[in-house]
Amino acid sequence: MTAPDVALRRLRDQVPLLVALVLVWNLLWGTWSWANLISGTVVAVAVTWLLPLPPVTGGAAFHPVAVLRYLVRFVFDLATSSAQVAWAAVRPGTLEDGAIITVALRTDSDLLLTLVTESLSLVPGSLVIDLDREQRTVALHLLAVRNLAAVERQRASVLATEERVVRAFGRAEDIAALDTAPLDTAAPDTADRGPRRPGPRPGERTTS
């Protein structure tokens, strides 16, 4: 194989990683702009070509329709969660309890796991505090939790985010794993919630 063929093959193998790094760069800045796109491209090229990194072959794919679906939902979640957090900060009354939950993910790709955790952390109201790579479980701190049903909705939201990321950037085997791997079926009472408020004593009236 000639030198140009080797260079072309290396470039083809690194394209998915380049796209993912540019995406992560823009997610970290939190703003989509031409400046961030160009600077992210420069950083991605520097990381993949100037540093002695092994080539990533088949590490990710690019599905345009699924990527568009992922981006639209991410922007929607970003806007709605920002409004909810802002309202919780200014509304009268006491703050709701927070919670720490763990969710078992299905993907086994380092790149996809990174994209999932970045997507979760960038949406206000939740923050990734730990990722167990061996067990593929992610721990999140939730800002406001009303009840156990809200915990389960957050758990389902995490799995839905994972599915959108995998269908947007995953390989065929990654997408197939979504259908074969069991969903996280943790019971609602496994959430590590914050301190509970004491309930009313017998005969004591409560005020709303």
Protein backbone atom coordinates (compact mmCIF):
# COMPACT_ATOMS: atom_id res chain seq x y z
CA MET A 1 0.00 0.00 0.00
CA THR A 2 1.41 3.36 -1.04
CA ALA A 3 1.91 6.32 1.29
CA PRO A 4 -1.04 8.31 -0.17
CA ASP A 5 -3.30 5.28 0.28
CA VAL A 6 -2.21 4.94 3.90
CA ALA A 7 -2.87 8.64 4.52
CA LEU A 8 -6.29 8.44 2.86
CA ARG A 9 -7.26 5.38 4.87
CA ARG A 10 -6.12 7.02 8.09
CA LEU A 11 -8.18 10.11 7.28
CA ARG A 12 -11.26 7.98 6.55
CA ASP A 13 -10.84 6.10 9.84
CA GLN A 14 -10.49 9.33 11.81
CA VAL A 15 -13.53 11.13 10.33
CA PRO A 16 -16.02 9.79 12.94
CA LEU A 17 -13.67 10.80 15.75
CA LEU A 18 -13.18 14.25 14.21
CA VAL A 19 -16.95 14.79 13.99
CA ALA A 20 -17.45 13.62 17.57
CA LEU A 21 -14.68 15.86 18.92
CA VAL A 22 -16.10 18.90 17.14
CA LEU A 23 -19.53 18.10 18.56
CA VAL A 24 -18.20 17.69 22.10
CA TRP A 25 -16.23 20.95 21.74
CA ASN A 26 -19.38 22.87 20.84
CA LEU A 27 -21.36 21.18 23.61
CA LEU A 28 -18.72 22.17 26.15
CA TRP A 29 -18.90 25.81 25.05
CA GLY A 30 -22.68 25.63 25.15
CA THR A 31 -23.02 27.88 22.08
CA TRP A 32 -23.29 26.94 18.42
CA SER A 33 -21.38 29.41 16.25
CA TRP A 34 -19.02 29.46 13.30
CA ALA A 35 -16.15 30.43 15.61
CA ASN A 36 -16.74 27.39 17.83
CA LEU A 37 -17.16 25.15 14.78
CA ILE A 38 -13.90 26.30 13.20
CA SER A 39 -11.94 26.25 16.46
CA GLY A 40 -13.37 22.82 17.30
CA THR A 41 -12.25 21.53 13.92
CA VAL A 42 -8.75 22.88 14.48
CA VAL A 43 -8.56 21.29 17.93
CA ALA A 44 -9.91 17.97 16.61
CA VAL A 45 -7.35 17.88 13.80
CA ALA A 46 -4.55 18.75 16.23
CA VAL A 47 -5.58 15.99 18.63
CA THR A 48 -5.97 13.30 15.96
CA TRP A 49 -2.97 14.21 13.78
CA LEU A 50 -0.33 15.99 15.88
CA LEU A 51 -0.56 13.73 18.92
CA PRO A 52 0.50 10.07 18.65
CA LEU A 53 -2.98 8.59 19.04
CA PRO A 54 -3.86 5.18 17.59
CA PRO A 55 -6.34 5.27 14.69
CA VAL A 56 -9.99 4.80 15.57
CA THR A 57 -11.53 2.39 13.08
CA GLY A 58 -15.28 2.13 12.98
CA GLY A 59 -15.60 3.88 16.34
CA ALA A 60 -18.69 5.80 15.32
CA ALA A 61 -21.00 6.53 12.44
CA PHE A 62 -23.05 9.50 11.30
CA HIS A 63 -26.78 9.17 10.66
CA PRO A 64 -28.05 12.59 9.44
CA VAL A 65 -31.74 12.12 10.25
CA ALA A 66 -31.01 10.71 13.71
CA VAL A 67 -28.46 13.48 14.34
CA LEU A 68 -31.07 16.11 13.48
CA ARG A 69 -33.55 14.41 15.81
CA TYR A 70 -30.95 14.36 18.58
CA LEU A 71 -30.07 18.05 18.13
CA VAL A 72 -33.71 19.19 18.03
CA ARG A 73 -34.55 17.29 21.21
CA PHE A 74 -31.36 18.49 22.92
CA VAL A 75 -32.22 22.14 22.21
CA PHE A 76 -35.80 21.53 23.41
CA ASP A 77 -34.60 19.91 26.65
CA LEU A 78 -32.07 22.70 27.15
CA ALA A 79 -34.74 25.40 26.82
CA THR A 80 -37.42 23.72 28.93
CA SER A 81 -35.02 22.64 31.70
CA SER A 82 -33.49 26.14 31.86
CA ALA A 83 -36.95 27.63 32.31
CA GLN A 84 -37.86 25.09 35.01
CA VAL A 85 -34.64 25.71 36.94
CA ALA A 86 -35.10 29.49 36.68
CA TRP A 87 -38.67 29.23 37.97
CA ALA A 88 -37.62 26.97 40.84
CA ALA A 89 -35.00 29.53 41.85
CA VAL A 90 -37.36 32.53 42.00
CA ARG A 91 -40.71 31.05 43.01
CA PRO A 92 -41.84 31.50 46.60
CA GLY A 93 -41.81 28.62 49.02
CA THR A 94 -39.27 26.03 50.07
CA LEU A 95 -37.01 24.23 47.66
CA GLU A 96 -37.79 20.65 46.73
CA ASP A 97 -35.52 17.79 47.70
CA GLY A 98 -32.76 16.68 45.38
CA ALA A 99 -31.82 13.10 44.60
CA ILE A 100 -28.93 10.98 43.39
CA ILE A 101 -29.83 8.16 41.03
CA THR A 102 -27.87 5.57 39.08
CA VAL A 103 -28.88 4.36 35.63
CA ALA A 104 -27.47 1.34 33.81
CA LEU A 105 -26.62 2.23 30.21
CA ARG A 106 -26.61 -0.19 27.31
CA THR A 107 -23.85 1.12 25.04
CA ASP A 108 -20.28 -0.15 25.45
CA SER A 109 -18.54 2.51 23.35
CA ASP A 110 -16.25 5.00 25.09
CA LEU A 111 -17.12 7.66 22.54
CA LEU A 112 -20.87 7.17 22.87
CA LEU A 113 -20.67 7.06 26.67
CA THR A 114 -18.83 10.39 26.56
CA LEU A 115 -21.48 11.93 24.32
CA VAL A 116 -24.26 10.64 26.56
CA THR A 117 -22.72 12.03 29.75
CA GLU A 118 -21.97 15.38 28.10
CA SER A 119 -25.53 15.63 26.83
CA LEU A 120 -26.89 14.92 30.32
CA SER A 121 -24.57 17.34 32.10
CA LEU A 122 -25.26 20.25 29.75
CA VAL A 123 -29.01 20.19 30.43
CA PRO A 124 -29.80 22.20 33.61
CA GLY A 125 -31.43 20.36 36.48
CA SER A 126 -29.19 17.29 36.42
CA LEU A 127 -25.45 16.72 36.69
CA VAL A 128 -23.39 13.61 36.06
CA ILE A 129 -21.28 12.97 39.17
CA ASP A 130 -19.88 9.54 38.35
CA LEU A 131 -19.51 7.10 35.47
CA ASP A 132 -18.61 3.48 36.18
CA ARG A 133 -17.01 2.34 32.94
CA GLU A 134 -16.88 -1.34 33.86
CA GLN A 135 -20.53 -1.56 34.94
CA ARG A 136 -21.68 1.05 32.40
CA THR A 137 -23.68 2.90 35.05
CA VAL A 138 -24.00 6.66 35.35
CA ALA A 139 -24.83 8.50 38.57
CA LEU A 140 -26.67 11.80 38.40
CA HIS A 141 -27.62 14.45 40.89
CA LEU A 142 -31.13 15.77 40.30
CA LEU A 143 -31.86 19.30 41.43
CA ALA A 144 -35.55 19.05 42.30
CA VAL A 145 -37.51 15.86 42.81
CA ARG A 146 -41.16 15.92 43.90
CA ASN A 147 -41.76 12.19 44.28
CA LEU A 148 -40.60 8.76 43.18
CA ALA A 149 -42.55 9.07 39.94
CA ALA A 150 -40.36 12.05 39.04
CA VAL A 151 -37.29 9.92 39.70
CA GLU A 152 -38.52 7.29 37.28
CA ARG A 153 -39.26 9.93 34.67
CA GLN A 154 -35.68 11.16 34.99
CA ARG A 155 -34.39 7.60 34.68
CA ALA A 156 -36.45 7.09 31.51
CA SER A 157 -35.18 10.43 30.18
CA VAL A 158 -31.57 9.29 30.62
CA LEU A 159 -32.24 6.10 28.66
CA ALA A 160 -34.03 8.09 25.96
CA THR A 161 -31.02 10.41 25.64
CA GLU A 162 -28.73 7.40 25.35
CA GLU A 163 -30.91 5.95 22.59
CA ARG A 164 -30.90 9.21 20.60
CA VAL A 165 -27.10 9.48 20.88
CA VAL A 166 -26.54 5.87 19.84
CA ARG A 167 -28.92 6.08 16.89
CA ALA A 168 -27.25 9.32 15.78
CA PHE A 169 -23.58 8.32 16.11
CA GLY A 170 -23.49 4.59 16.82
CA ARG A 171 -22.40 1.78 14.56
CA ALA A 172 -24.78 -0.95 13.47
CA GLU A 173 -23.78 -3.18 16.39
CA ASP A 174 -24.25 -0.29 18.85
CA ILE A 175 -27.78 0.33 17.58
CA ALA A 176 -28.56 -3.40 17.68
CA ALA A 177 -27.46 -3.48 21.33
CA LEU A 178 -30.28 -1.08 22.20
CA ASP A 179 -32.82 -3.74 21.30
CA THR A 180 -30.99 -6.68 22.89
CA ALA A 181 -29.70 -5.17 26.13
CA PRO A 182 -32.20 -5.09 29.03
CA LEU A 183 -33.47 -1.73 30.17
CA ASP A 184 -32.60 -0.41 33.61
CA THR A 185 -35.29 -1.86 35.84
CA ALA A 186 -34.11 -0.46 39.14
CA ALA A 187 -36.90 -0.07 41.65
CA PRO A 188 -37.99 3.47 42.48
CA ASP A 189 -36.78 3.16 46.07
CA THR A 190 -33.15 2.67 44.89
CA ALA A 191 -32.81 6.42 44.39
CA ASP A 192 -30.68 8.04 47.06
CA ARG A 193 -32.83 11.01 47.87
CA GLY A 194 -31.91 13.97 50.01
CA PRO A 195 -33.10 14.48 53.57
CA ARG A 196 -36.82 14.00 53.89
CA ARG A 197 -38.99 16.58 55.54
CA PRO A 198 -40.65 15.27 58.69
CA GLY A 199 -44.32 14.41 58.19
CA PRO A 200 -47.11 15.78 60.38
CA ARG A 201 -47.57 14.28 63.80
CA PRO A 202 -50.83 12.50 64.65
CA GLY A 203 -53.58 15.08 65.15
CA GLU A 204 -51.41 17.87 63.75
CA ARG A 205 -52.87 19.97 60.96
CA THR A 206 -50.87 20.82 57.86
CA THR A 207 -51.02 24.06 55.97
CA SER A 208 -50.48 24.40 52.22
